[in-house]
Amino acid sequence: RKFNEAIDGIDKTIGQLQKIKEALISSDRNLRLANDKAQGLTIRKLTLKNPTMKAAFEAAREENEAPADE
């Protein structure tokens, strides 16, 4: 009986470890996909057709181009 209980315990542990392995592999894939997408990001892509960011960049550009009053 103890032998069978030990075998059942080992089988349960193997099942749990298999689930953990699958979750880690899935996480790795998701992280790799997210990293690939992040590598392709640029400021232009993030701000294209974004009126708020366009206005912020225009304001910053105007501020930098304005003559300094001393």
Protein backbone atom coordinates (compact mmCIF):
# COMPACT_ATOMS: atom_id res chain seq x y z
CA ARG A 1 0.00 0.00 0.00
CA LYS A 2 2.79 2.48 0.89
CA PHE A 3 4.50 1.62 -2.38
CA ASN A 4 1.34 2.47 -4.36
CA GLU A 5 0.89 5.71 -2.41
CA ALA A 6 4.48 6.65 -3.20
CA ILE A 7 3.93 5.90 -6.90
CA ASP A 8 0.72 7.99 -6.89
CA GLY A 9 2.57 10.84 -5.18
CA ILE A 10 5.32 10.69 -7.79
CA ASP A 11 2.75 10.68 -10.60
CA LYS A 12 1.02 13.74 -9.12
CA THR A 13 4.35 15.53 -8.75
CA ILE A 14 5.26 14.71 -12.36
CA GLY A 15 1.88 16.10 -13.48
CA GLN A 16 2.42 19.31 -11.52
CA LEU A 17 5.94 19.71 -12.88
CA GLN A 18 4.66 19.17 -16.43
CA LYS A 19 2.08 21.95 -15.93
CA ILE A 20 4.78 24.26 -14.57
CA LYS A 21 7.02 23.42 -17.53
CA GLU A 22 4.24 24.24 -20.00
CA ALA A 23 3.50 27.52 -18.21
CA LEU A 24 7.18 28.50 -18.32
CA ILE A 25 7.46 27.67 -22.01
CA SER A 26 4.33 29.72 -22.70
CA SER A 27 5.72 32.63 -20.67
CA ASP A 28 8.99 32.43 -22.57
CA ARG A 29 7.15 32.62 -25.89
CA ASN A 30 5.08 35.56 -24.70
CA LEU A 31 8.16 37.39 -23.44
CA ARG A 32 9.96 36.77 -26.72
CA LEU A 33 6.99 38.10 -28.72
CA ALA A 34 6.73 41.15 -26.47
CA ASN A 35 10.46 41.78 -26.79
CA ASP A 36 10.29 41.52 -30.58
CA LYS A 37 7.43 44.03 -30.65
CA ALA A 38 9.28 46.36 -28.27
CA GLN A 39 12.39 46.24 -30.47
CA GLY A 40 10.29 47.46 -33.40
CA LEU A 41 8.87 50.46 -31.56
CA THR A 42 10.00 53.93 -32.43
CA ILE A 43 8.90 57.33 -31.25
CA ARG A 44 7.40 57.91 -34.68
CA LYS A 45 5.32 54.73 -34.50
CA LEU A 46 4.15 55.60 -31.00
CA THR A 47 3.15 59.15 -31.88
CA LEU A 48 1.88 58.76 -35.44
CA LYS A 49 -1.76 59.90 -35.68
CA ASN A 50 -1.77 60.77 -31.98
CA PRO A 51 -2.98 64.37 -31.68
CA THR A 52 -1.97 64.74 -28.04
CA MET A 53 1.62 63.70 -28.67
CA LYS A 54 1.76 65.73 -31.88
CA ALA A 55 0.70 68.84 -29.96
CA ALA A 56 3.24 68.14 -27.21
CA PHE A 57 6.08 67.79 -29.70
CA GLU A 58 5.02 70.95 -31.55
CA ALA A 59 4.91 72.88 -28.27
CA ALA A 60 8.36 71.60 -27.34
CA ARG A 61 9.70 72.48 -30.79
CA GLU A 62 8.26 76.01 -30.57
CA GLU A 63 9.73 76.40 -27.09
CA ASN A 64 13.17 75.40 -28.36
CA GLU A 65 12.94 77.71 -31.40
CA ALA A 66 11.74 80.77 -29.47
CA PRO A 67 14.47 83.38 -28.87
CA ALA A 68 15.62 83.57 -25.30
CA ASP A 69 14.49 86.76 -23.54
CA GLU A 70 17.27 88.03 -21.31
